[in-house]
């Protein structure tokens, strides 16, 4: 449950102006300041000359980042904090900048939320960047998110005795990778759009599991699922919230058809409580779907259970797992 905030003018104004910090972080990641600094200590003038930026603007941004404890400032110049070096420099394997850039691409639509609420439909437009840049930020942002959760999920979900896994809408294949690493006898198919293939195959190769994970092209929203193959487990991570209730139920039904008798379906998403007003992240994520989709939303546990039951699944349980953004997992069995 979200911790209750004591609201007064100070806390309300702090919340109202928090986007100043958000935009400062977005600008620094977009400009790749943390990679530019690397392991060095550089003055504002050195950074401005190295990058070709305005000295005044560069100095103000660096000072703000130091005030936010993302950089340290000394008489010698500016240096990355450990957190910045670990998570905001492209030289680090833990880099999360792609997800931050994806958030940056969403920001304009959030400013116009009042329009979406009054219209009841999406107002998000593609940002003024190339489609390749947008797709990279989205897909690799999903990779950033999954890398924070997949290792724990792979230990939480019992796939022993499951030789074949379908990662439906698997994007870069992060979960399939970690499931295979945790289960030496497991093979997997990542099923997603053709445009996702280059990112997925690059990621799968990077982790050395190309011999155990295949990529299959298709659109899971149309029922175009790999029925020619039978799977012992189907993993649906963050695919339902992009669709309305009827289409989400269809997706669950399509996934169920790919399972062998006794196979298990695992649905991972931002799951609302049945009151729909918590947890906080799932409730806010529904607004994100309002801004960008015709009918997407976060779903409650009872709604997802009903979809699974309608698809013929039984023994539905909520696993003992809560992700960093309050996500959860429901499991059902195909009789």
Protein backbone atom coordinates (compact mmCIF):
# COMPACT_ATOMS: atom_id res chain seq x y z
CA UNK A 1 0.00 0.00 0.00
CA UNK A 2 1.26 3.49 -0.84
CA UNK A 3 2.48 5.44 2.14
CA UNK A 4 0.09 8.25 3.03
CA UNK A 5 1.50 11.73 2.43
CA UNK A 6 0.64 14.60 4.74
CA UNK A 7 -0.58 17.14 2.21
CA UNK A 8 -0.08 20.85 2.85
CA UNK A 9 0.95 23.77 0.58
CA UNK A 10 4.63 22.87 0.88
CA UNK A 11 4.24 19.20 -0.10
CA UNK A 12 1.71 20.04 -2.82
CA UNK A 13 4.02 22.62 -4.39
CA UNK A 14 6.97 20.23 -4.12
CA UNK A 15 4.93 17.66 -6.03
CA UNK A 16 3.79 20.25 -8.57
CA UNK A 17 7.34 21.36 -9.31
CA UNK A 18 9.00 17.94 -9.24
CA UNK A 19 9.10 17.92 -13.02
CA UNK A 20 12.00 20.40 -12.77
CA UNK A 21 14.13 17.55 -11.45
CA UNK A 22 12.69 15.13 -14.00
CA UNK A 23 13.49 17.44 -16.92
CA UNK A 24 16.99 18.06 -15.59
CA UNK A 25 17.66 14.31 -15.50
CA UNK A 26 16.13 13.83 -18.96
CA UNK A 27 18.31 16.58 -20.43
CA UNK A 28 21.48 15.15 -18.88
CA UNK A 29 20.74 11.66 -20.21
CA UNK A 30 19.75 12.95 -23.64
CA UNK A 31 23.01 14.94 -23.81
CA UNK A 32 24.87 11.89 -22.46
CA UNK A 33 26.72 13.99 -19.89
CA UNK A 34 27.49 11.07 -17.58
CA UNK A 35 29.19 9.05 -20.33
CA UNK A 36 31.09 12.15 -21.44
CA UNK A 37 32.50 12.66 -17.93
CA UNK A 38 33.21 8.96 -17.42
CA UNK A 39 35.93 8.44 -14.81
CA UNK A 40 37.29 11.97 -15.21
CA UNK A 41 36.85 15.18 -13.27
CA UNK A 42 36.12 17.98 -15.74
CA UNK A 43 35.36 21.67 -15.46
CA UNK A 44 32.26 23.19 -17.03
CA UNK A 45 34.47 24.90 -19.62
CA UNK A 46 36.16 21.60 -20.54
CA UNK A 47 32.81 19.87 -20.90
CA UNK A 48 31.38 22.73 -22.96
CA UNK A 49 34.41 22.74 -25.28
CA UNK A 50 34.40 18.96 -25.59
CA UNK A 51 30.71 18.89 -26.48
CA UNK A 52 30.31 22.18 -28.29
CA UNK A 53 27.64 23.39 -25.87
CA UNK A 54 27.08 26.86 -24.45
CA UNK A 55 29.22 27.45 -21.33
CA UNK A 56 26.49 29.24 -19.34
CA UNK A 57 23.88 26.56 -20.00
CA UNK A 58 26.36 23.76 -19.38
CA UNK A 59 27.44 25.25 -16.05
CA UNK A 60 23.86 25.65 -14.84
CA UNK A 61 22.95 22.09 -15.76
CA UNK A 62 26.07 20.67 -14.10
CA UNK A 63 25.40 22.66 -10.92
CA UNK A 64 21.81 21.41 -10.82
CA UNK A 65 22.98 17.80 -11.26
CA UNK A 66 25.46 18.33 -8.43
CA UNK A 67 22.67 19.76 -6.27
CA UNK A 68 20.65 16.59 -7.04
CA UNK A 69 23.66 14.46 -5.95
CA UNK A 70 24.10 12.95 -9.41
CA UNK A 71 27.45 14.70 -9.82
CA UNK A 72 30.02 15.82 -7.28
CA UNK A 73 31.53 19.29 -7.58
CA UNK A 74 34.98 20.22 -6.29
CA UNK A 75 37.51 22.92 -7.07
CA UNK A 76 38.83 20.61 -9.80
CA UNK A 77 35.47 20.27 -11.56
CA UNK A 78 32.61 17.81 -11.84
CA UNK A 79 32.71 14.03 -11.47
CA UNK A 80 30.12 11.26 -11.61
CA UNK A 81 28.74 9.92 -8.37
CA UNK A 82 28.87 6.14 -8.07
CA UNK A 83 25.16 5.92 -8.88
CA UNK A 84 25.59 8.04 -12.02
CA UNK A 85 28.55 5.92 -13.13
CA UNK A 86 26.61 2.71 -12.49
CA UNK A 87 23.24 3.60 -14.00
CA UNK A 88 23.57 6.68 -16.22
CA UNK A 89 26.79 6.09 -18.14
CA UNK A 90 26.63 4.03 -21.33
CA UNK A 91 29.96 2.48 -20.31
CA UNK A 92 28.13 0.55 -17.57
CA UNK A 93 26.31 -2.76 -18.04
CA UNK A 94 23.68 -1.40 -15.61
CA UNK A 95 22.80 1.60 -17.80
CA UNK A 96 19.11 2.59 -17.57
CA UNK A 97 19.27 5.63 -19.81
CA UNK A 98 17.14 4.06 -22.54
CA UNK A 99 14.17 3.87 -20.20
CA UNK A 100 14.77 7.46 -19.13
CA UNK A 101 14.80 8.51 -22.78
CA UNK A 102 11.53 6.63 -23.30
CA UNK A 103 10.05 8.56 -20.37
CA UNK A 104 11.27 11.75 -22.04
CA UNK A 105 9.39 10.81 -25.21
CA UNK A 106 6.20 10.40 -23.16
CA UNK A 107 6.49 13.70 -21.31
CA UNK A 108 4.64 15.93 -23.79
CA UNK A 109 1.51 13.78 -23.60
CA UNK A 110 1.49 13.84 -19.79
CA UNK A 111 1.45 17.64 -19.87
CA UNK A 112 -1.75 17.38 -21.95
CA UNK A 113 -3.50 14.89 -19.71
CA UNK A 114 -6.49 17.20 -19.22
CA UNK A 115 -7.22 16.86 -22.94
CA UNK A 116 -7.11 13.07 -22.80
CA UNK A 117 -9.40 12.98 -19.76
CA UNK A 118 -12.01 15.28 -21.31
CA UNK A 119 -11.81 13.52 -24.70
CA UNK A 120 -11.58 10.03 -23.24
CA UNK A 121 -8.96 8.97 -25.74
CA UNK A 122 -5.24 9.08 -26.59
CA UNK A 123 -3.49 12.33 -27.45
CA UNK A 124 0.07 11.02 -27.62
CA UNK A 125 1.98 11.66 -30.80
CA UNK A 126 5.32 10.23 -31.83
CA UNK A 127 8.05 12.65 -30.74
CA UNK A 128 10.10 14.57 -33.26
CA UNK A 129 12.82 11.93 -33.40
CA UNK A 130 13.46 9.19 -35.92
CA UNK A 131 11.33 6.08 -35.63
CA UNK A 132 14.53 4.09 -35.13
CA UNK A 133 15.55 6.27 -32.19
CA UNK A 134 12.06 6.03 -30.69
CA UNK A 135 11.99 2.23 -31.13
CA UNK A 136 15.47 1.83 -29.65
CA UNK A 137 14.53 3.89 -26.58
CA UNK A 138 11.33 1.87 -26.11
CA UNK A 139 12.73 -1.61 -26.66
CA UNK A 140 15.98 -1.07 -24.82
CA UNK A 141 14.02 0.77 -22.11
CA UNK A 142 11.97 -2.40 -21.70
CA UNK A 143 15.29 -4.23 -21.50
CA UNK A 144 16.44 -1.84 -18.75
CA UNK A 145 13.25 -2.50 -16.79
CA UNK A 146 13.34 -6.24 -17.28
CA UNK A 147 17.00 -6.47 -16.28
CA UNK A 148 16.01 -5.04 -12.89
CA UNK A 149 13.37 -7.72 -12.35
CA UNK A 150 14.12 -10.76 -14.52
CA UNK A 151 16.85 -12.34 -12.35
CA UNK A 152 14.53 -12.31 -9.30
CA UNK A 153 11.52 -13.42 -11.35
CA UNK A 154 13.53 -16.34 -12.76
CA UNK A 155 14.17 -17.54 -9.21
CA UNK A 156 10.55 -16.96 -8.14
CA UNK A 157 8.87 -18.83 -11.01
CA UNK A 158 9.27 -22.61 -10.92
CA UNK A 159 9.90 -23.84 -14.46
CA UNK A 160 11.48 -27.14 -13.48
CA UNK A 161 10.06 -29.85 -15.71
CA UNK A 162 9.10 -27.29 -18.40
CA UNK A 163 11.24 -27.94 -21.45
CA UNK A 164 9.68 -25.26 -23.72
CA UNK A 165 8.68 -21.68 -22.90
CA UNK A 166 6.77 -19.13 -24.99
CA UNK A 167 7.74 -15.53 -24.18
CA UNK A 168 4.72 -13.80 -25.73
CA UNK A 169 5.41 -10.21 -26.73
CA UNK A 170 8.87 -10.77 -25.32
CA UNK A 171 10.56 -7.72 -26.87
CA UNK A 172 14.35 -8.02 -26.47
CA UNK A 173 13.90 -11.44 -24.82
CA UNK A 174 15.20 -10.47 -21.39
CA UNK A 175 12.89 -12.73 -19.41
CA UNK A 176 13.42 -15.70 -21.73
CA UNK A 177 17.16 -15.22 -21.31
CA UNK A 178 17.02 -15.26 -17.52
CA UNK A 179 14.55 -18.15 -17.39
CA UNK A 180 16.95 -20.17 -19.56
CA UNK A 181 19.94 -19.20 -17.43
CA UNK A 182 18.08 -20.34 -14.31
CA UNK A 183 16.84 -23.58 -15.96
CA UNK A 184 19.59 -25.37 -17.93
CA UNK A 185 17.16 -27.73 -19.71
CA UNK A 186 14.79 -24.98 -20.86
CA UNK A 187 14.46 -23.71 -24.44
CA UNK A 188 12.35 -20.70 -25.40
CA UNK A 189 10.68 -18.85 -28.24
CA UNK A 190 10.44 -15.06 -28.09
CA UNK A 191 7.33 -14.08 -30.05
CA UNK A 192 7.01 -10.46 -31.18
CA UNK A 193 6.81 -8.12 -34.17
CA UNK A 194 9.41 -8.37 -36.94
CA UNK A 195 10.77 -4.92 -36.06
CA UNK A 196 11.79 -6.30 -32.67
CA UNK A 197 13.95 -9.09 -34.08
CA UNK A 198 17.26 -7.16 -34.40
CA UNK A 199 17.11 -6.00 -30.77
CA UNK A 200 16.10 -9.44 -29.50
CA UNK A 201 18.72 -11.40 -31.43
CA UNK A 202 21.44 -8.95 -30.39
CA UNK A 203 20.45 -9.29 -26.73
CA UNK A 204 20.10 -13.07 -26.87
CA UNK A 205 23.54 -13.38 -28.51
CA UNK A 206 25.05 -11.06 -25.91
CA UNK A 207 24.01 -13.46 -23.15
CA UNK A 208 25.27 -16.52 -25.04
CA UNK A 209 21.96 -18.38 -25.33
CA UNK A 210 21.32 -18.18 -29.08
CA UNK A 211 21.34 -21.97 -29.24
CA UNK A 212 18.40 -22.19 -26.80
CA UNK A 213 16.23 -19.19 -27.68
CA UNK A 214 14.57 -18.61 -31.05
CA UNK A 215 12.72 -15.53 -32.28
CA UNK A 216 9.35 -15.98 -34.01
CA UNK A 217 7.72 -13.10 -35.87
CA UNK A 218 4.05 -12.32 -35.42
CA UNK A 219 1.38 -10.16 -33.82
CA UNK A 220 -0.04 -11.60 -30.61
CA UNK A 221 -2.96 -9.13 -30.70
CA UNK A 222 -4.38 -10.81 -33.83
CA UNK A 223 -4.24 -14.41 -32.65
CA UNK A 224 -1.21 -15.02 -34.85
CA UNK A 225 0.53 -17.25 -32.33
CA UNK A 226 2.91 -20.17 -32.99
CA UNK A 227 0.31 -22.95 -32.67
CA UNK A 228 2.52 -25.34 -34.63
CA UNK A 229 4.63 -25.63 -31.49
CA UNK A 230 3.47 -26.84 -28.08
CA UNK A 231 4.73 -25.09 -24.97
CA UNK A 232 4.93 -26.15 -21.35
CA UNK A 233 4.78 -22.55 -20.11
CA UNK A 234 3.64 -19.22 -21.53
CA UNK A 235 5.03 -15.99 -20.10
CA UNK A 236 3.01 -12.80 -20.73
CA UNK A 237 4.87 -9.85 -19.26
CA UNK A 238 3.30 -6.37 -19.60
CA UNK A 239 1.27 -7.22 -22.70
CA UNK A 240 -2.30 -7.01 -21.40
CA UNK A 241 -2.25 -3.37 -20.27
CA UNK A 242 -1.84 -2.12 -23.84
CA UNK A 243 -5.28 -3.44 -24.81
CA UNK A 244 -8.92 -3.08 -23.79
CA UNK A 245 -10.70 -5.80 -21.78
CA UNK A 246 -12.02 -7.79 -24.75
CA UNK A 247 -8.71 -7.82 -26.64
CA UNK A 248 -6.75 -8.59 -23.47
CA UNK A 249 -9.02 -11.59 -22.85
CA UNK A 250 -8.44 -12.74 -26.44
CA UNK A 251 -4.68 -12.55 -25.94
CA UNK A 252 -4.93 -14.75 -22.85
CA UNK A 253 -7.09 -17.22 -24.79
CA UNK A 254 -4.63 -17.31 -27.70
CA UNK A 255 -1.73 -17.96 -25.34
CA UNK A 256 -3.68 -20.76 -23.63
CA UNK A 257 -4.06 -22.54 -26.98
CA UNK A 258 -0.29 -22.88 -27.27
CA UNK A 259 0.01 -24.81 -24.00
CA UNK A 260 0.16 -28.57 -23.59
CA UNK A 261 -2.18 -30.13 -20.98
CA UNK A 262 -0.67 -29.38 -17.61
CA UNK A 263 1.16 -26.37 -19.01
CA UNK A 264 1.25 -23.16 -17.02
CA UNK A 265 0.49 -19.57 -17.96
CA UNK A 266 2.22 -16.77 -16.10
CA UNK A 267 0.88 -13.22 -16.39
CA UNK A 268 3.14 -10.44 -15.14
CA UNK A 269 1.74 -6.93 -15.05
CA UNK A 270 0.91 -3.87 -12.95
CA UNK A 271 -2.00 -5.43 -11.09
CA UNK A 272 -4.56 -3.20 -9.40
CA UNK A 273 -6.40 -4.18 -6.26
CA UNK A 274 -10.09 -4.67 -6.89
CA UNK A 275 -10.86 -1.17 -5.57
CA UNK A 276 -8.69 0.11 -8.48
CA UNK A 277 -7.20 2.93 -6.40
CA UNK A 278 -3.97 1.13 -5.43
CA UNK A 279 -1.17 0.36 -5.72
CA UNK A 280 -0.19 3.86 -6.79
CA UNK A 281 2.03 2.90 -9.73
CA UNK A 282 -0.63 0.72 -11.37
CA UNK A 283 -3.22 3.49 -11.00
CA UNK A 284 -0.85 6.03 -12.56
CA UNK A 285 0.07 3.59 -15.31
CA UNK A 286 -3.59 3.43 -16.33
CA UNK A 287 -3.33 7.15 -17.08
CA UNK A 288 -0.27 6.44 -19.22
CA UNK A 289 -2.40 4.01 -21.23
CA UNK A 290 -5.17 6.62 -21.53
CA UNK A 291 -2.66 9.03 -23.04
CA UNK A 292 -1.28 6.57 -25.57
CA UNK A 293 -3.86 3.89 -26.41
CA UNK A 294 -7.51 3.66 -27.42
CA UNK A 295 -8.50 1.29 -24.62
CA UNK A 296 -5.43 0.11 -22.68
CA UNK A 297 -5.43 0.15 -18.87
CA UNK A 298 -4.11 -1.55 -15.77
CA UNK A 299 -6.26 -4.50 -14.71
CA UNK A 300 -7.28 -5.71 -11.29
CA UNK A 301 -6.41 -9.16 -10.02
CA UNK A 302 -10.03 -10.30 -10.27
CA UNK A 303 -10.23 -9.10 -13.89
CA UNK A 304 -7.11 -11.04 -14.88
CA UNK A 305 -8.34 -14.10 -12.99
CA UNK A 306 -11.58 -13.94 -14.97
CA UNK A 307 -9.67 -13.76 -18.26
CA UNK A 308 -7.64 -16.81 -17.27
CA UNK A 309 -10.71 -18.75 -16.15
CA UNK A 310 -12.54 -17.92 -19.39
CA UNK A 311 -9.50 -19.20 -21.31
CA UNK A 312 -9.94 -22.56 -19.55
CA UNK A 313 -7.16 -22.24 -16.98
CA UNK A 314 -7.55 -23.60 -13.46
CA UNK A 315 -5.70 -23.50 -10.12
CA UNK A 316 -5.06 -19.77 -10.51
CA UNK A 317 -2.79 -18.32 -7.81
CA UNK A 318 -0.96 -15.05 -7.14
CA UNK A 319 2.76 -15.70 -6.71
CA UNK A 320 4.65 -14.25 -3.78
CA UNK A 321 6.38 -11.58 -5.84
CA UNK A 322 6.28 -7.78 -6.04
CA UNK A 323 8.49 -5.96 -8.52
CA UNK A 324 10.25 -2.62 -8.08
CA UNK A 325 7.25 -0.89 -9.70
CA UNK A 326 4.69 -2.92 -7.73
CA UNK A 327 4.13 -5.49 -10.47
CA UNK A 328 2.75 -8.94 -9.68
CA UNK A 329 2.42 -12.42 -11.24
CA UNK A 330 -0.63 -14.67 -11.61
CA UNK A 331 -0.23 -18.33 -12.55
CA UNK A 332 -2.82 -20.70 -14.01
CA UNK A 333 -2.74 -24.30 -15.27
CA UNK A 334 -4.22 -25.71 -18.48
CA UNK A 335 -6.13 -28.90 -17.56
